[in-house]
Amino acid sequence: MNRILALVLAIGLMAAVALGFSLAGFVAAQAAVTGKEVPGGQNENAKPQNYTTLSISGYGKVSYVPDRAVVVFAALGYGKTAVEALSECSSKMSKIFSALEALGISRDNMETSGISVGPRYDWEQKPPRIIDYEASYSLTIQISDISLVGKVIDAAFAAGADRMHGLQFTLSEEKKSEFEAQAIREAINDVMRKAGVAASQLGLHIVKVESVSVSHQQVPPPIIVRAIEVAEIPIAPGEGEISASVSLTILLSS
């Protein structure tokens, strides 16, 4: 009887030990799947905690020659009534339209940007007295051929324009996007070169880029007017500039 009892106890002890090993293996397997730490040890899949954070910026710059110009002309008209003033103004603007079309400027590239009319007063009189009426018509011209800018200005004034506002050289959307992308690429090359140098000097290597910030800006070109005696006004754009800045947060490790 004692021998049978002893045998039963031995079998029970072996079963308990086996169950303990099975439970330990199950817990370890669950920790590997969920990423939780195993009691009494470290999970091999846990992220290392010895990263060094590097914040760094790079810059890129691209020069360009504009391929578009925008100019605004104004024609003025005067009359004893508002209708007379507008009529004179309209007559001048019709001649300006015709002169610009003769240069190859499409009506699609001409846009009315403002019309106004109002009385002019003699402020010396008490009370002030209306002298006449002044009308103004503003026309915005989009010029896709830079070589025509001087001719457009000459033709508009010869046709009756009284004022010119805001000659501006710019880029088509296609060219602008192309140069912005080029400037950003140069900025990224610059910042990654700097990051590589910094990591090497510190005895570390780049693990990954954690965050990126990109910005860019455009500096318009100057307007160059050559003072020479010819009928056409000689105007040319200088070089403009598109620059980009890229800021990175990078994780380094030994």
C-alpha atoms as a PDB file:
ATOM      1  CA  MET A   1       0.000   0.000   0.000  1.00  0.00           C
ATOM      2  CA  ASN A   2       2.811   2.442   0.908  1.00  0.00           C
ATOM      3  CA  ARG A   3       4.558   1.664  -2.356  1.00  0.00           C
ATOM      4  CA  ILE A   4       1.391   2.433  -4.341  1.00  0.00           C
ATOM      5  CA  LEU A   5       0.906   5.759  -2.470  1.00  0.00           C
ATOM      6  CA  ALA A   6       4.498   6.749  -3.159  1.00  0.00           C
ATOM      7  CA  LEU A   7       4.084   5.973  -6.866  1.00  0.00           C
ATOM      8  CA  VAL A   8       0.919   8.107  -7.088  1.00  0.00           C
ATOM      9  CA  LEU A   9       2.678  11.066  -5.393  1.00  0.00           C
ATOM     10  CA  ALA A  10       5.663  10.786  -7.773  1.00  0.00           C
ATOM     11  CA  ILE A  11       3.409  10.832 -10.849  1.00  0.00           C
ATOM     12  CA  GLY A  12       1.521  13.898  -9.504  1.00  0.00           C
ATOM     13  CA  LEU A  13       4.769  15.801  -8.909  1.00  0.00           C
ATOM     14  CA  MET A  14       6.000  15.097 -12.460  1.00  0.00           C
ATOM     15  CA  ALA A  15       2.681  16.323 -13.911  1.00  0.00           C
ATOM     16  CA  ALA A  16       2.875  19.558 -11.894  1.00  0.00           C
ATOM     17  CA  VAL A  17       6.440  20.241 -13.133  1.00  0.00           C
ATOM     18  CA  ALA A  18       5.410  19.604 -16.736  1.00  0.00           C
ATOM     19  CA  LEU A  19       2.410  21.956 -16.352  1.00  0.00           C
ATOM     20  CA  GLY A  20       4.697  24.659 -14.963  1.00  0.00           C
ATOM     21  CA  PHE A  21       7.008  24.478 -17.985  1.00  0.00           C
ATOM     22  CA  SER A  22       4.018  24.597 -20.347  1.00  0.00           C
ATOM     23  CA  LEU A  23       2.632  27.725 -18.660  1.00  0.00           C
ATOM     24  CA  ALA A  24       6.040  29.440 -18.790  1.00  0.00           C
ATOM     25  CA  GLY A  25       6.336  28.705 -22.514  1.00  0.00           C
ATOM     26  CA  PHE A  26       2.805  30.034 -23.128  1.00  0.00           C
ATOM     27  CA  VAL A  27       3.551  33.300 -21.277  1.00  0.00           C
ATOM     28  CA  ALA A  28       6.792  33.768 -23.226  1.00  0.00           C
ATOM     29  CA  ALA A  29       4.988  33.165 -26.525  1.00  0.00           C
ATOM     30  CA  GLN A  30       2.275  35.690 -25.645  1.00  0.00           C
ATOM     31  CA  ALA A  31       4.914  38.262 -24.716  1.00  0.00           C
ATOM     32  CA  ALA A  32       6.593  37.812 -28.088  1.00  0.00           C
ATOM     33  CA  VAL A  33       3.276  38.413 -29.885  1.00  0.00           C
ATOM     34  CA  THR A  34       2.046  41.357 -27.824  1.00  0.00           C
ATOM     35  CA  GLY A  35       5.418  42.993 -27.191  1.00  0.00           C
ATOM     36  CA  LYS A  36       4.940  42.828 -23.410  1.00  0.00           C
ATOM     37  CA  GLU A  37       7.886  42.163 -21.180  1.00  0.00           C
ATOM     38  CA  VAL A  38       8.267  38.641 -19.862  1.00  0.00           C
ATOM     39  CA  PRO A  39       8.382  38.570 -16.029  1.00  0.00           C
ATOM     40  CA  GLY A  40      11.984  38.256 -14.942  1.00  0.00           C
ATOM     41  CA  GLY A  41      13.437  39.108 -18.397  1.00  0.00           C
ATOM     42  CA  GLN A  42      13.387  41.439 -21.484  1.00  0.00           C
ATOM     43  CA  ASN A  43      11.444  40.939 -24.718  1.00  0.00           C
ATOM     44  CA  GLU A  44      13.819  40.606 -27.643  1.00  0.00           C
ATOM     45  CA  ASN A  45      11.368  42.519 -29.917  1.00  0.00           C
ATOM     46  CA  ALA A  46      11.232  45.621 -27.679  1.00  0.00           C
ATOM     47  CA  LYS A  47      12.577  48.843 -29.260  1.00  0.00           C
ATOM     48  CA  PRO A  48      16.060  49.904 -28.162  1.00  0.00           C
ATOM     49  CA  GLN A  49      16.053  52.964 -25.953  1.00  0.00           C
ATOM     50  CA  ASN A  50      19.504  54.339 -26.906  1.00  0.00           C
ATOM     51  CA  TYR A  51      18.436  56.591 -29.808  1.00  0.00           C
ATOM     52  CA  THR A  52      19.978  60.072 -30.172  1.00  0.00           C
ATOM     53  CA  THR A  53      17.706  62.713 -31.754  1.00  0.00           C
ATOM     54  CA  LEU A  54      19.224  65.114 -34.301  1.00  0.00           C
ATOM     55  CA  SER A  55      17.353  68.213 -35.585  1.00  0.00           C
ATOM     56  CA  ILE A  56      18.931  69.676 -38.709  1.00  0.00           C
ATOM     57  CA  SER A  57      18.060  71.911 -41.697  1.00  0.00           C
ATOM     58  CA  GLY A  58      19.170  72.081 -45.316  1.00  0.00           C
ATOM     59  CA  TYR A  59      18.732  74.666 -48.056  1.00  0.00           C
ATOM     60  CA  GLY A  60      18.363  74.665 -51.838  1.00  0.00           C
ATOM     61  CA  LYS A  61      18.248  77.506 -54.361  1.00  0.00           C
ATOM     62  CA  VAL A  62      17.381  77.720 -58.053  1.00  0.00           C
ATOM     63  CA  SER A  63      17.740  80.779 -60.300  1.00  0.00           C
ATOM     64  CA  TYR A  64      15.283  81.286 -63.146  1.00  0.00           C
ATOM     65  CA  VAL A  65      14.489  83.599 -66.044  1.00  0.00           C
ATOM     66  CA  PRO A  66      10.759  84.550 -66.150  1.00  0.00           C
ATOM     67  CA  ASP A  67       8.623  83.387 -69.049  1.00  0.00           C
ATOM     68  CA  ARG A  68       5.555  85.561 -68.311  1.00  0.00           C
ATOM     69  CA  ALA A  69       4.793  89.268 -67.711  1.00  0.00           C
ATOM     70  CA  VAL A  70       1.769  91.077 -66.296  1.00  0.00           C
ATOM     71  CA  VAL A  71       1.112  94.783 -66.802  1.00  0.00           C
ATOM     72  CA  VAL A  72      -1.886  97.034 -66.006  1.00  0.00           C
ATOM     73  CA  PHE A  73      -2.870 100.051 -68.138  1.00  0.00           C
ATOM     74  CA  ALA A  74      -5.398 102.730 -67.279  1.00  0.00           C
ATOM     75  CA  ALA A  75      -7.294 105.056 -69.604  1.00  0.00           C
ATOM     76  CA  LEU A  76      -8.933 108.230 -68.276  1.00  0.00           C
ATOM     77  CA  GLY A  77     -11.920 110.141 -69.637  1.00  0.00           C
ATOM     78  CA  TYR A  78     -13.487 113.518 -68.755  1.00  0.00           C
ATOM     79  CA  GLY A  79     -16.851 115.085 -69.496  1.00  0.00           C
ATOM     80  CA  LYS A  80     -19.572 117.356 -68.249  1.00  0.00           C
ATOM     81  CA  THR A  81     -21.550 114.246 -67.334  1.00  0.00           C
ATOM     82  CA  ALA A  82     -20.575 110.791 -66.124  1.00  0.00           C
ATOM     83  CA  VAL A  83     -21.765 109.319 -69.456  1.00  0.00           C
ATOM     84  CA  GLU A  84     -19.462 111.633 -71.428  1.00  0.00           C
ATOM     85  CA  ALA A  85     -16.495 110.738 -69.229  1.00  0.00           C
ATOM     86  CA  LEU A  86     -17.158 106.995 -69.617  1.00  0.00           C
ATOM     87  CA  SER A  87     -17.628 107.385 -73.367  1.00  0.00           C
ATOM     88  CA  GLU A  88     -14.217 109.049 -73.806  1.00  0.00           C
ATOM     89  CA  CYS A  89     -12.628 106.424 -71.581  1.00  0.00           C
ATOM     90  CA  SER A  90     -14.259 103.586 -73.529  1.00  0.00           C
ATOM     91  CA  SER A  91     -13.127 105.033 -76.852  1.00  0.00           C
ATOM     92  CA  LYS A  92      -9.494 105.063 -75.683  1.00  0.00           C
ATOM     93  CA  MET A  93      -9.713 101.512 -74.379  1.00  0.00           C
ATOM     94  CA  SER A  94     -11.168 100.212 -77.673  1.00  0.00           C
ATOM     95  CA  LYS A  95      -8.116 101.591 -79.492  1.00  0.00           C
ATOM     96  CA  ILE A  96      -5.806  99.972 -76.889  1.00  0.00           C
ATOM     97  CA  PHE A  97      -7.520  96.597 -77.418  1.00  0.00           C
ATOM     98  CA  SER A  98      -7.005  96.853 -81.189  1.00  0.00           C
ATOM     99  CA  ALA A  99      -3.352  97.903 -80.855  1.00  0.00           C
ATOM    100  CA  LEU A 100      -2.544  94.984 -78.542  1.00  0.00           C
ATOM    101  CA  GLU A 101      -4.368  92.473 -80.737  1.00  0.00           C
ATOM    102  CA  ALA A 102      -2.253  93.683 -83.673  1.00  0.00           C
ATOM    103  CA  LEU A 103       0.809  92.547 -81.656  1.00  0.00           C
ATOM    104  CA  GLY A 104      -0.650  89.066 -81.233  1.00  0.00           C
ATOM    105  CA  ILE A 105      -2.061  89.523 -77.710  1.00  0.00           C
ATOM    106  CA  SER A 106      -5.260  87.483 -77.463  1.00  0.00           C
ATOM    107  CA  ARG A 107      -8.435  88.888 -75.915  1.00  0.00           C
ATOM    108  CA  ASP A 108      -8.271  85.906 -73.556  1.00  0.00           C
ATOM    109  CA  ASN A 109      -5.131  87.494 -72.075  1.00  0.00           C
ATOM    110  CA  MET A 110      -6.807  90.875 -71.512  1.00  0.00           C
ATOM    111  CA  GLU A 111      -8.964  91.402 -68.437  1.00  0.00           C
ATOM    112  CA  THR A 112     -10.899  94.426 -67.222  1.00  0.00           C
ATOM    113  CA  SER A 113      -9.630  94.949 -63.672  1.00  0.00           C
ATOM    114  CA  GLY A 114     -11.532  98.103 -62.753  1.00  0.00           C
ATOM    115  CA  ILE A 115     -13.949 100.812 -63.908  1.00  0.00           C
ATOM    116  CA  SER A 116     -14.763 103.939 -61.925  1.00  0.00           C
ATOM    117  CA  VAL A 117     -16.421 107.306 -62.487  1.00  0.00           C
ATOM    118  CA  GLY A 118     -17.002 110.261 -60.194  1.00  0.00           C
ATOM    119  CA  PRO A 119     -17.299 114.051 -60.018  1.00  0.00           C
ATOM    120  CA  ARG A 120     -14.361 116.445 -59.673  1.00  0.00           C
ATOM    121  CA  TYR A 121     -14.944 119.444 -57.406  1.00  0.00           C
ATOM    122  CA  ASP A 122     -13.721 123.015 -57.191  1.00  0.00           C
ATOM    123  CA  TRP A 123     -12.920 123.068 -53.476  1.00  0.00           C
ATOM    124  CA  GLU A 124     -12.252 126.824 -53.541  1.00  0.00           C
ATOM    125  CA  GLN A 125     -15.963 127.427 -53.945  1.00  0.00           C
ATOM    126  CA  LYS A 126     -18.216 127.582 -50.871  1.00  0.00           C
ATOM    127  CA  PRO A 127     -19.962 125.205 -51.050  1.00  0.00           C
ATOM    128  CA  PRO A 128     -17.711 123.113 -53.375  1.00  0.00           C
ATOM    129  CA  ARG A 129     -18.932 123.038 -56.989  1.00  0.00           C
ATOM    130  CA  ILE A 130     -18.777 120.111 -59.441  1.00  0.00           C
ATOM    131  CA  ILE A 131     -16.425 120.975 -62.320  1.00  0.00           C
ATOM    132  CA  ASP A 132     -16.797 117.824 -64.411  1.00  0.00           C
ATOM    133  CA  TYR A 133     -16.618 114.017 -64.205  1.00  0.00           C
ATOM    134  CA  GLU A 134     -13.610 111.702 -64.425  1.00  0.00           C
ATOM    135  CA  ALA A 135     -13.813 108.060 -65.509  1.00  0.00           C
ATOM    136  CA  SER A 136     -11.094 105.422 -65.275  1.00  0.00           C
ATOM    137  CA  TYR A 137     -10.812 102.040 -66.985  1.00  0.00           C
ATOM    138  CA  SER A 138      -8.067  99.582 -65.921  1.00  0.00           C
ATOM    139  CA  LEU A 139      -6.934  96.718 -68.153  1.00  0.00           C
ATOM    140  CA  THR A 140      -4.673  93.850 -67.028  1.00  0.00           C
ATOM    141  CA  ILE A 141      -2.572  92.212 -69.757  1.00  0.00           C
ATOM    142  CA  GLN A 142      -0.997  88.751 -69.508  1.00  0.00           C
ATOM    143  CA  ILE A 143       2.036  88.553 -71.814  1.00  0.00           C
ATOM    144  CA  SER A 144       3.354  85.063 -72.582  1.00  0.00           C
ATOM    145  CA  ASP A 145       6.186  86.277 -74.843  1.00  0.00           C
ATOM    146  CA  ILE A 146       8.674  88.321 -72.806  1.00  0.00           C
ATOM    147  CA  SER A 147      10.164  89.877 -75.949  1.00  0.00           C
ATOM    148  CA  LEU A 148       6.868  91.705 -76.552  1.00  0.00           C
ATOM    149  CA  VAL A 149       6.818  93.660 -73.270  1.00  0.00           C
ATOM    150  CA  GLY A 150       8.433  96.824 -74.632  1.00  0.00           C
ATOM    151  CA  LYS A 151       6.249  96.764 -77.759  1.00  0.00           C
ATOM    152  CA  VAL A 152       3.102  96.278 -75.663  1.00  0.00           C
ATOM    153  CA  ILE A 153       3.918  99.320 -73.523  1.00  0.00           C
ATOM    154  CA  ASP A 154       4.657 101.485 -76.585  1.00  0.00           C
ATOM    155  CA  ALA A 155       1.500 100.367 -78.388  1.00  0.00           C
ATOM    156  CA  ALA A 156      -0.768 100.921 -75.379  1.00  0.00           C
ATOM    157  CA  PHE A 157       0.416 104.497 -74.806  1.00  0.00           C
ATOM    158  CA  ALA A 158       0.332 105.283 -78.507  1.00  0.00           C
ATOM    159  CA  ALA A 159      -3.299 104.088 -78.556  1.00  0.00           C
ATOM    160  CA  GLY A 160      -4.332 106.363 -75.672  1.00  0.00           C
ATOM    161  CA  ALA A 161      -3.368 104.772 -72.329  1.00  0.00           C
ATOM    162  CA  ASP A 162      -2.790 107.416 -69.657  1.00  0.00           C
ATOM    163  CA  ARG A 163      -1.100 105.334 -66.956  1.00  0.00           C
ATOM    164  CA  MET A 164       0.733 102.069 -66.428  1.00  0.00           C
ATOM    165  CA  HIS A 165       0.770 100.213 -63.113  1.00  0.00           C
ATOM    166  CA  GLY A 166       2.776  97.331 -61.728  1.00  0.00           C
ATOM    167  CA  LEU A 167       4.816  95.701 -64.485  1.00  0.00           C
ATOM    168  CA  GLN A 168       5.640  92.284 -63.052  1.00  0.00           C
ATOM    169  CA  PHE A 169       7.671  89.369 -64.410  1.00  0.00           C
ATOM    170  CA  THR A 170       6.709  85.893 -63.288  1.00  0.00           C
ATOM    171  CA  LEU A 171       6.670  82.189 -64.165  1.00  0.00           C
ATOM    172  CA  SER A 172       4.097  79.922 -65.742  1.00  0.00           C
ATOM    173  CA  GLU A 173       2.625  77.380 -63.309  1.00  0.00           C
ATOM    174  CA  GLU A 174       4.441  74.527 -65.064  1.00  0.00           C
ATOM    175  CA  LYS A 175       7.865  76.176 -64.741  1.00  0.00           C
ATOM    176  CA  LYS A 176       7.173  77.297 -61.178  1.00  0.00           C
ATOM    177  CA  SER A 177       6.346  73.730 -60.078  1.00  0.00           C
ATOM    178  CA  GLU A 178       9.446  72.404 -61.841  1.00  0.00           C
ATOM    179  CA  PHE A 179      11.785  74.894 -60.142  1.00  0.00           C
ATOM    180  CA  GLU A 180      10.166  74.423 -56.710  1.00  0.00           C
ATOM    181  CA  ALA A 181      10.702  70.654 -56.959  1.00  0.00           C
ATOM    182  CA  GLN A 182      14.328  71.199 -57.981  1.00  0.00           C
ATOM    183  CA  ALA A 183      14.947  73.538 -55.022  1.00  0.00           C
ATOM    184  CA  ILE A 184      13.392  71.021 -52.589  1.00  0.00           C
ATOM    185  CA  ARG A 185      15.560  68.194 -53.982  1.00  0.00           C
ATOM    186  CA  GLU A 186      18.673  70.322 -53.485  1.00  0.00           C
ATOM    187  CA  ALA A 187      17.576  71.160 -49.920  1.00  0.00           C
ATOM    188  CA  ILE A 188      17.059  67.459 -49.112  1.00  0.00           C
ATOM    189  CA  ASN A 189      20.482  66.564 -50.536  1.00  0.00           C
ATOM    190  CA  ASP A 190      22.005  69.328 -48.413  1.00  0.00           C
ATOM    191  CA  VAL A 191      20.311  68.286 -45.157  1.00  0.00           C
ATOM    192  CA  MET A 192      21.129  64.582 -45.621  1.00  0.00           C
ATOM    193  CA  ARG A 193      24.783  65.417 -46.326  1.00  0.00           C
ATOM    194  CA  LYS A 194      24.931  67.466 -43.125  1.00  0.00           C
ATOM    195  CA  ALA A 195      23.218  64.694 -41.152  1.00  0.00           C
ATOM    196  CA  GLY A 196      25.715  62.126 -42.459  1.00  0.00           C
ATOM    197  CA  VAL A 197      28.655  64.299 -41.414  1.00  0.00           C
ATOM    198  CA  ALA A 198      27.172  64.880 -37.941  1.00  0.00           C
ATOM    199  CA  ALA A 199      26.456  61.176 -37.385  1.00  0.00           C
ATOM    200  CA  SER A 200      29.944  60.167 -38.537  1.00  0.00           C
ATOM    201  CA  GLN A 201      31.655  62.659 -36.239  1.00  0.00           C
ATOM    202  CA  LEU A 202      29.605  61.346 -33.302  1.00  0.00           C
ATOM    203  CA  GLY A 203      30.404  57.719 -34.080  1.00  0.00           C
ATOM    204  CA  LEU A 204      26.731  57.000 -34.816  1.00  0.00           C
ATOM    205  CA  HIS A 205      24.642  56.029 -37.835  1.00  0.00           C
ATOM    206  CA  ILE A 206      21.263  57.196 -39.139  1.00  0.00           C
ATOM    207  CA  VAL A 207      18.430  54.849 -38.133  1.00  0.00           C
ATOM    208  CA  LYS A 208      15.449  56.705 -39.621  1.00  0.00           C
ATOM    209  CA  VAL A 209      13.907  60.099 -40.347  1.00  0.00           C
ATOM    210  CA  GLU A 210      11.219  60.769 -37.740  1.00  0.00           C
ATOM    211  CA  SER A 211       9.725  64.038 -39.087  1.00  0.00           C
ATOM    212  CA  VAL A 212      10.063  66.374 -42.090  1.00  0.00           C
ATOM    213  CA  SER A 213       9.171  70.044 -42.625  1.00  0.00           C
ATOM    214  CA  VAL A 214       9.425  71.714 -46.053  1.00  0.00           C
ATOM    215  CA  SER A 215       8.995  75.378 -47.031  1.00  0.00           C
ATOM    216  CA  HIS A 216       9.851  77.408 -50.133  1.00  0.00           C
ATOM    217  CA  GLN A 217       9.675  81.002 -51.339  1.00  0.00           C
ATOM    218  CA  GLN A 218      10.029  82.928 -54.593  1.00  0.00           C
ATOM    219  CA  VAL A 219      12.006  86.141 -55.029  1.00  0.00           C
ATOM    220  CA  PRO A 220      10.820  88.055 -58.141  1.00  0.00           C
ATOM    221  CA  PRO A 221      13.410  89.281 -60.628  1.00  0.00           C
ATOM    222  CA  PRO A 222      14.328  92.966 -60.973  1.00  0.00           C
ATOM    223  CA  ILE A 223      13.138  94.915 -64.010  1.00  0.00           C
ATOM    224  CA  ILE A 224      15.988  96.116 -66.209  1.00  0.00           C
ATOM    225  CA  VAL A 225      15.427  99.140 -68.453  1.00  0.00           C
ATOM    226  CA  ARG A 226      18.223  99.958 -70.889  1.00  0.00           C
ATOM    227  CA  ALA A 227      18.417 103.684 -71.607  1.00  0.00           C
ATOM    228  CA  ILE A 228      19.007 103.769 -75.365  1.00  0.00           C
ATOM    229  CA  GLU A 229      17.297 105.946 -77.937  1.00  0.00           C
ATOM    230  CA  VAL A 230      14.931 103.734 -79.898  1.00  0.00           C
ATOM    231  CA  ALA A 231      11.201 103.893 -80.489  1.00  0.00           C
ATOM    232  CA  GLU A 232      10.533 100.725 -78.493  1.00  0.00           C
ATOM    233  CA  ILE A 233      11.081 100.797 -74.727  1.00  0.00           C
ATOM    234  CA  PRO A 234      13.866  98.224 -74.074  1.00  0.00           C
ATOM    235  CA  ILE A 235      12.779  96.255 -70.998  1.00  0.00           C
ATOM    236  CA  ALA A 236      14.118  92.889 -69.854  1.00  0.00           C
ATOM    237  CA  PRO A 237      13.681  90.812 -66.690  1.00  0.00           C
ATOM    238  CA  GLY A 238      16.601  89.961 -64.465  1.00  0.00           C
ATOM    239  CA  GLU A 239      16.964  86.563 -62.814  1.00  0.00           C
ATOM    240  CA  GLY A 240      14.521  85.499 -60.116  1.00  0.00           C
ATOM    241  CA  GLU A 241      15.136  82.943 -57.400  1.00  0.00           C
ATOM    242  CA  ILE A 242      13.196  80.097 -55.799  1.00  0.00           C
ATOM    243  CA  SER A 243      14.592  78.756 -52.530  1.00  0.00           C
ATOM    244  CA  ALA A 244      13.546  75.847 -50.320  1.00  0.00           C
ATOM    245  CA  SER A 245      14.224  74.870 -46.718  1.00  0.00           C
ATOM    246  CA  VAL A 246      13.927  71.304 -45.377  1.00  0.00           C
ATOM    247  CA  SER A 247      14.071  70.554 -41.630  1.00  0.00           C
ATOM    248  CA  LEU A 248      14.431  66.968 -40.395  1.00  0.00           C
ATOM    249  CA  THR A 249      14.287  65.203 -37.080  1.00  0.00           C
ATOM    250  CA  ILE A 250      16.543  62.149 -37.371  1.00  0.00           C
ATOM    251  CA  LEU A 251      17.130  59.220 -35.001  1.00  0.00           C
ATOM    252  CA  LEU A 252      20.779  58.154 -34.577  1.00  0.00           C
ATOM    253  CA  SER A 253      22.106  55.029 -32.936  1.00  0.00           C
ATOM    254  CA  SER A 254      25.494  53.454 -32.231  1.00  0.00           C
END
